[in-house]
All heavy atoms as atom14 arrays in JSON, in Angstrom:
{
  "sequence": "DAEPNFQLLAQAYGVKAHRFTNPETIVKDLE",
  "atom14_mask": [
    [1, 1, 1, 1, 1, 1, 1, 1, 0, 0, 0, 0, 0, 0],
    [1, 1, 1, 1, 1, 0, 0, 0, 0, 0, 0, 0, 0, 0],
    [1, 1, 1, 1, 1, 1, 1, 1, 1, 0, 0, 0, 0, 0],
    [1, 1, 1, 1, 1, 1, 1, 0, 0, 0, 0, 0, 0, 0],
    [1, 1, 1, 1, 1, 1, 1, 1, 0, 0, 0, 0, 0, 0],
    [1, 1, 1, 1, 1, 1, 1, 1, 1, 1, 1, 0, 0, 0],
    [1, 1, 1, 1, 1, 1, 1, 1, 1, 0, 0, 0, 0, 0],
    [1, 1, 1, 1, 1, 1, 1, 1, 0, 0, 0, 0, 0, 0],
    [1, 1, 1, 1, 1, 1, 1, 1, 0, 0, 0, 0, 0, 0],
    [1, 1, 1, 1, 1, 0, 0, 0, 0, 0, 0, 0, 0, 0],
    [1, 1, 1, 1, 1, 1, 1, 1, 1, 0, 0, 0, 0, 0],
    [1, 1, 1, 1, 1, 0, 0, 0, 0, 0, 0, 0, 0, 0],
    [1, 1, 1, 1, 1, 1, 1, 1, 1, 1, 1, 1, 0, 0],
    [1, 1, 1, 1, 0, 0, 0, 0, 0, 0, 0, 0, 0, 0],
    [1, 1, 1, 1, 1, 1, 1, 0, 0, 0, 0, 0, 0, 0],
    [1, 1, 1, 1, 1, 1, 1, 1, 1, 0, 0, 0, 0, 0],
    [1, 1, 1, 1, 1, 0, 0, 0, 0, 0, 0, 0, 0, 0],
    [1, 1, 1, 1, 1, 1, 1, 1, 1, 1, 0, 0, 0, 0],
    [1, 1, 1, 1, 1, 1, 1, 1, 1, 1, 1, 0, 0, 0],
    [1, 1, 1, 1, 1, 1, 1, 1, 1, 1, 1, 0, 0, 0],
    [1, 1, 1, 1, 1, 1, 1, 0, 0, 0, 0, 0, 0, 0],
    [1, 1, 1, 1, 1, 1, 1, 1, 0, 0, 0, 0, 0, 0],
    [1, 1, 1, 1, 1, 1, 1, 0, 0, 0, 0, 0, 0, 0],
    [1, 1, 1, 1, 1, 1, 1, 1, 1, 0, 0, 0, 0, 0],
    [1, 1, 1, 1, 1, 1, 1, 0, 0, 0, 0, 0, 0, 0],
    [1, 1, 1, 1, 1, 1, 1, 1, 0, 0, 0, 0, 0, 0],
    [1, 1, 1, 1, 1, 1, 1, 0, 0, 0, 0, 0, 0, 0],
    [1, 1, 1, 1, 1, 1, 1, 1, 1, 0, 0, 0, 0, 0],
    [1, 1, 1, 1, 1, 1, 1, 1, 0, 0, 0, 0, 0, 0],
    [1, 1, 1, 1, 1, 1, 1, 1, 0, 0, 0, 0, 0, 0],
    [1, 1, 1, 1, 1, 1, 1, 1, 1, 0, 0, 0, 0, 0]
  ],
  "atom14_positions": [
    [[7.87, 17.24, -0.07], [8.97, 17.35, 0.87], [8.47, 17.29, 2.31], [9.19, 16.87, 3.21], [9.68, 18.68, 0.66], [10.37, 18.72, -0.71], [10.82, 17.66, -1.2], [10.39, 19.8, -1.3], [0.0, 0.0, 0.0], [0.0, 0.0, 0.0], [0.0, 0.0, 0.0], [0.0, 0.0, 0.0], [0.0, 0.0, 0.0], [0.0, 0.0, 0.0]],
    [[7.2, 17.72, 2.53], [6.65, 17.66, 3.86], [5.22, 17.17, 3.78], [4.45, 17.63, 2.95], [6.7, 19.06, 4.51], [0.0, 0.0, 0.0], [0.0, 0.0, 0.0], [0.0, 0.0, 0.0], [0.0, 0.0, 0.0], [0.0, 0.0, 0.0], [0.0, 0.0, 0.0], [0.0, 0.0, 0.0], [0.0, 0.0, 0.0], [0.0, 0.0, 0.0]],
    [[4.87, 16.22, 4.62], [3.52, 15.71, 4.68], [3.11, 15.62, 6.11], [3.95, 15.52, 7.05], [3.45, 14.3, 4.04], [3.55, 14.33, 2.54], [3.26, 12.94, 1.95], [3.82, 11.95, 2.48], [2.62, 12.86, 0.91], [0.0, 0.0, 0.0], [0.0, 0.0, 0.0], [0.0, 0.0, 0.0], [0.0, 0.0, 0.0], [0.0, 0.0, 0.0]],
    [[1.79, 15.61, 6.4], [1.35, 15.5, 7.78], [1.64, 14.07, 8.27], [1.91, 13.13, 7.52], [-0.15, 15.72, 7.69], [-0.51, 15.38, 6.26], [0.68, 15.78, 5.44], [0.0, 0.0, 0.0], [0.0, 0.0, 0.0], [0.0, 0.0, 0.0], [0.0, 0.0, 0.0], [0.0, 0.0, 0.0], [0.0, 0.0, 0.0], [0.0, 0.0, 0.0]],
    [[1.58, 13.91, 9.6], [1.66, 12.59, 10.21], [0.25, 11.96, 10.04], [-0.7, 12.27, 10.7], [1.99, 12.69, 11.68], [2.18, 11.38, 12.33], [1.45, 10.41, 12.05], [3.17, 11.26, 13.22], [0.0, 0.0, 0.0], [0.0, 0.0, 0.0], [0.0, 0.0, 0.0], [0.0, 0.0, 0.0], [0.0, 0.0, 0.0], [0.0, 0.0, 0.0]],
    [[0.17, 11.03, 9.03], [-1.13, 10.48, 8.66], [-1.73, 9.65, 9.86], [-2.93, 9.48, 9.97], [-1.05, 9.64, 7.43], [-0.72, 10.46, 6.17], [0.47, 10.21, 5.48], [-1.56, 11.46, 5.74], [0.75, 10.95, 4.31], [-1.29, 12.24, 4.62], [-0.11, 11.98, 3.92], [0.0, 0.0, 0.0], [0.0, 0.0, 0.0], [0.0, 0.0, 0.0]],
    [[-0.8, 9.08, 10.64], [-1.3, 8.28, 11.79], [-2.03, 9.18, 12.81], [-3.11, 8.84, 13.29], [-0.09, 7.61, 12.48], [0.75, 6.72, 11.59], [-0.04, 5.54, 11.1], [-0.4, 4.68, 11.85], [-0.31, 5.53, 9.81], [0.0, 0.0, 0.0], [0.0, 0.0, 0.0], [0.0, 0.0, 0.0], [0.0, 0.0, 0.0], [0.0, 0.0, 0.0]],
    [[-1.43, 10.31, 13.12], [-2.06, 11.24, 14.04], [-3.3, 11.84, 13.46], [-4.32, 12.08, 14.19], [-1.08, 12.32, 14.48], [0.14, 11.86, 15.28], [1.03, 13.06, 15.6], [-0.28, 11.19, 16.57], [0.0, 0.0, 0.0], [0.0, 0.0, 0.0], [0.0, 0.0, 0.0], [0.0, 0.0, 0.0], [0.0, 0.0, 0.0], [0.0, 0.0, 0.0]],
    [[-3.28, 12.09, 12.15], [-4.47, 12.62, 11.48], [-5.62, 11.66, 11.59], [-6.79, 12.06, 11.91], [-4.14, 12.91, 10.01], [-5.25, 13.55, 9.19], [-5.64, 14.89, 9.73], [-4.76, 13.75, 7.73], [0.0, 0.0, 0.0], [0.0, 0.0, 0.0], [0.0, 0.0, 0.0], [0.0, 0.0, 0.0], [0.0, 0.0, 0.0], [0.0, 0.0, 0.0]],
    [[-5.39, 10.4, 11.36], [-6.44, 9.37, 11.47], [-6.95, 9.36, 12.92], [-8.17, 9.3, 13.17], [-5.96, 8.03, 11.03], [0.0, 0.0, 0.0], [0.0, 0.0, 0.0], [0.0, 0.0, 0.0], [0.0, 0.0, 0.0], [0.0, 0.0, 0.0], [0.0, 0.0, 0.0], [0.0, 0.0, 0.0], [0.0, 0.0, 0.0], [0.0, 0.0, 0.0]],
    [[-6.03, 9.36, 13.87], [-6.41, 9.28, 15.25], [-7.29, 10.49, 15.65], [-8.13, 10.38, 16.53], [-5.16, 9.14, 16.13], [-4.44, 7.83, 16.0], [-3.09, 7.8, 16.65], [-2.85, 8.53, 17.6], [-2.18, 7.0, 16.14], [0.0, 0.0, 0.0], [0.0, 0.0, 0.0], [0.0, 0.0, 0.0], [0.0, 0.0, 0.0], [0.0, 0.0, 0.0]],
    [[-6.96, 11.64, 15.05], [-7.76, 12.83, 15.36], [-9.21, 12.63, 14.97], [-10.13, 13.26, 15.59], [-7.19, 14.03, 14.64], [0.0, 0.0, 0.0], [0.0, 0.0, 0.0], [0.0, 0.0, 0.0], [0.0, 0.0, 0.0], [0.0, 0.0, 0.0], [0.0, 0.0, 0.0], [0.0, 0.0, 0.0], [0.0, 0.0, 0.0], [0.0, 0.0, 0.0]],
    [[-9.46, 11.81, 13.98], [-10.84, 11.48, 13.58], [-11.36, 10.22, 14.27], [-12.45, 9.73, 13.96], [-10.91, 11.28, 12.04], [-10.81, 12.57, 11.28], [-9.73, 12.8, 10.46], [-11.82, 13.49, 11.35], [-9.63, 14.01, 9.7], [-11.74, 14.68, 10.62], [-10.66, 14.93, 9.79], [-10.59, 16.08, 9.09], [0.0, 0.0, 0.0], [0.0, 0.0, 0.0]],
    [[-10.62, 9.7, 15.23], [-11.06, 8.51, 15.95], [-10.95, 7.25, 15.15], [-11.63, 6.26, 15.43], [0.0, 0.0, 0.0], [0.0, 0.0, 0.0], [0.0, 0.0, 0.0], [0.0, 0.0, 0.0], [0.0, 0.0, 0.0], [0.0, 0.0, 0.0], [0.0, 0.0, 0.0], [0.0, 0.0, 0.0], [0.0, 0.0, 0.0], [0.0, 0.0, 0.0]],
    [[-10.06, 7.22, 14.19], [-9.87, 6.08, 13.31], [-8.56, 5.38, 13.7], [-7.51, 6.02, 13.83], [-9.8, 6.52, 11.82], [-9.43, 5.36, 10.93], [-11.11, 7.12, 11.43], [0.0, 0.0, 0.0], [0.0, 0.0, 0.0], [0.0, 0.0, 0.0], [0.0, 0.0, 0.0], [0.0, 0.0, 0.0], [0.0, 0.0, 0.0], [0.0, 0.0, 0.0]],
    [[-8.65, 4.07, 13.87], [-7.48, 3.27, 14.26], [-6.46, 3.35, 13.13], [-6.81, 3.3, 11.96], [-7.92, 1.84, 14.49], [-6.91, 1.03, 15.24], [-7.55, -0.27, 15.79], [-6.62, -1.0, 16.72], [-7.24, -2.2, 17.28], [0.0, 0.0, 0.0], [0.0, 0.0, 0.0], [0.0, 0.0, 0.0], [0.0, 0.0, 0.0], [0.0, 0.0, 0.0]],
    [[-5.17, 3.45, 13.48], [-4.15, 3.66, 12.46], [-2.96, 2.71, 12.66], [-2.58, 2.41, 13.78], [-3.65, 5.1, 12.48], [0.0, 0.0, 0.0], [0.0, 0.0, 0.0], [0.0, 0.0, 0.0], [0.0, 0.0, 0.0], [0.0, 0.0, 0.0], [0.0, 0.0, 0.0], [0.0, 0.0, 0.0], [0.0, 0.0, 0.0], [0.0, 0.0, 0.0]],
    [[-2.42, 2.22, 11.53], [-1.23, 1.39, 11.56], [-0.3, 1.9, 10.43], [-0.75, 2.47, 9.45], [-1.54, -0.07, 11.25], [-2.51, -0.68, 12.22], [-2.08, -1.29, 13.39], [-3.87, -0.82, 12.16], [-3.15, -1.75, 14.03], [-4.25, -1.47, 13.3], [0.0, 0.0, 0.0], [0.0, 0.0, 0.0], [0.0, 0.0, 0.0], [0.0, 0.0, 0.0]],
    [[1.01, 1.68, 10.61], [1.96, 2.03, 9.57], [2.95, 0.87, 9.42], [3.51, 0.41, 10.43], [2.74, 3.32, 9.9], [3.7, 3.77, 8.82], [4.22, 5.18, 9.15], [5.06, 5.66, 8.03], [6.38, 5.48, 7.92], [7.01, 4.85, 8.9], [7.03, 5.97, 6.91], [0.0, 0.0, 0.0], [0.0, 0.0, 0.0], [0.0, 0.0, 0.0]],
    [[3.07, 0.43, 8.18], [4.0, -0.74, 7.94], [5.06, -0.35, 6.94], [4.82, 0.3, 5.93], [3.17, -1.92, 7.39], [2.08, -2.39, 8.35], [0.81, -2.58, 7.89], [2.38, -2.62, 9.66], [-0.21, -3.01, 8.74], [1.36, -3.04, 10.55], [0.09, -3.26, 10.07], [0.0, 0.0, 0.0], [0.0, 0.0, 0.0], [0.0, 0.0, 0.0]],
    [[6.33, -0.79, 7.27], [7.43, -0.47, 6.4], [8.3, -1.7, 6.04], [9.22, -1.57, 5.2], [8.36, 0.57, 7.12], [8.82, -0.01, 8.33], [7.61, 1.87, 7.38], [0.0, 0.0, 0.0], [0.0, 0.0, 0.0], [0.0, 0.0, 0.0], [0.0, 0.0, 0.0], [0.0, 0.0, 0.0], [0.0, 0.0, 0.0], [0.0, 0.0, 0.0]],
    [[8.03, -2.85, 6.65], [8.91, -3.99, 6.53], [8.39, -4.99, 5.46], [7.32, -5.6, 5.68], [9.05, -4.69, 7.85], [10.12, -5.83, 7.83], [10.57, -6.2, 6.76], [10.46, -6.32, 9.02], [0.0, 0.0, 0.0], [0.0, 0.0, 0.0], [0.0, 0.0, 0.0], [0.0, 0.0, 0.0], [0.0, 0.0, 0.0], [0.0, 0.0, 0.0]],
    [[9.09, -5.16, 4.35], [8.6, -6.1, 3.34], [8.61, -7.57, 3.79], [7.86, -8.38, 3.27], [9.57, -5.9, 2.16], [10.78, -5.27, 2.74], [10.31, -4.5, 3.89], [0.0, 0.0, 0.0], [0.0, 0.0, 0.0], [0.0, 0.0, 0.0], [0.0, 0.0, 0.0], [0.0, 0.0, 0.0], [0.0, 0.0, 0.0], [0.0, 0.0, 0.0]],
    [[9.41, -7.84, 4.82], [9.5, -9.24, 5.3], [8.28, -9.66, 6.11], [7.96, -10.84, 6.22], [10.74, -9.43, 6.16], [12.07, -9.11, 5.44], [12.26, -9.99, 4.21], [11.93, -11.2, 4.32], [12.8, -9.51, 3.23], [0.0, 0.0, 0.0], [0.0, 0.0, 0.0], [0.0, 0.0, 0.0], [0.0, 0.0, 0.0], [0.0, 0.0, 0.0]],
    [[7.59, -8.7, 6.73], [6.48, -8.99, 7.61], [5.09, -8.55, 7.09], [4.13, -8.68, 7.77], [6.71, -8.42, 9.0], [6.77, -6.96, 8.85], [7.99, -8.91, 9.62], [0.0, 0.0, 0.0], [0.0, 0.0, 0.0], [0.0, 0.0, 0.0], [0.0, 0.0, 0.0], [0.0, 0.0, 0.0], [0.0, 0.0, 0.0], [0.0, 0.0, 0.0]],
    [[5.09, -7.99, 5.86], [3.84, -7.37, 5.41], [2.68, -8.32, 5.29], [1.52, -7.91, 5.55], [4.1, -6.58, 4.06], [2.87, -5.75, 3.69], [4.43, -7.54, 2.94], [2.54, -4.68, 4.69], [0.0, 0.0, 0.0], [0.0, 0.0, 0.0], [0.0, 0.0, 0.0], [0.0, 0.0, 0.0], [0.0, 0.0, 0.0], [0.0, 0.0, 0.0]],
    [[2.9, -9.56, 4.91], [1.8, -10.49, 4.8], [1.15, -10.71, 6.14], [-0.08, -10.66, 6.27], [2.32, -11.86, 4.23], [1.19, -12.87, 4.24], [2.86, -11.66, 2.82], [0.0, 0.0, 0.0], [0.0, 0.0, 0.0], [0.0, 0.0, 0.0], [0.0, 0.0, 0.0], [0.0, 0.0, 0.0], [0.0, 0.0, 0.0], [0.0, 0.0, 0.0]],
    [[1.95, -10.87, 7.2], [1.4, -11.03, 8.55], [0.8, -9.71, 9.03], [-0.28, -9.68, 9.67], [2.51, -11.45, 9.5], [2.09, -11.66, 10.95], [1.15, -12.89, 11.05], [0.79, -13.16, 12.51], [-0.18, -14.26, 12.65], [0.0, 0.0, 0.0], [0.0, 0.0, 0.0], [0.0, 0.0, 0.0], [0.0, 0.0, 0.0], [0.0, 0.0, 0.0]],
    [[1.47, -8.6, 8.74], [1.0, -7.31, 9.21], [-0.43, -7.0, 8.69], [-1.24, -6.41, 9.45], [1.93, -6.17, 8.7], [3.33, -6.2, 9.36], [3.42, -6.79, 10.45], [4.25, -5.63, 8.77], [0.0, 0.0, 0.0], [0.0, 0.0, 0.0], [0.0, 0.0, 0.0], [0.0, 0.0, 0.0], [0.0, 0.0, 0.0], [0.0, 0.0, 0.0]],
    [[-0.74, -7.36, 7.46], [-2.0, -7.03, 6.87], [-3.18, -7.75, 7.52], [-4.36, -7.45, 7.23], [-1.98, -7.24, 5.37], [-1.16, -6.24, 4.58], [-1.01, -6.67, 3.13], [-1.84, -4.84, 4.65], [0.0, 0.0, 0.0], [0.0, 0.0, 0.0], [0.0, 0.0, 0.0], [0.0, 0.0, 0.0], [0.0, 0.0, 0.0], [0.0, 0.0, 0.0]],
    [[-2.9, -8.7, 8.36], [-4.01, -9.4, 9.06], [-4.8, -8.49, 10.0], [-5.89, -8.82, 10.4], [-3.44, -10.61, 9.85], [-2.93, -11.74, 8.89], [-2.41, -12.91, 9.64], [-2.48, -12.91, 10.92], [-1.88, -13.82, 9.02], [0.0, 0.0, 0.0], [0.0, 0.0, 0.0], [0.0, 0.0, 0.0], [0.0, 0.0, 0.0], [0.0, 0.0, 0.0]]
  ]
}
């Protein structure tokens, strides 16, 4: 029901983060 913000968690470790939700653009997004 509740999860951390994984984007901010990654950034806290200095790791670049992306989040994708659109099935129409996922092929391009994964580049």
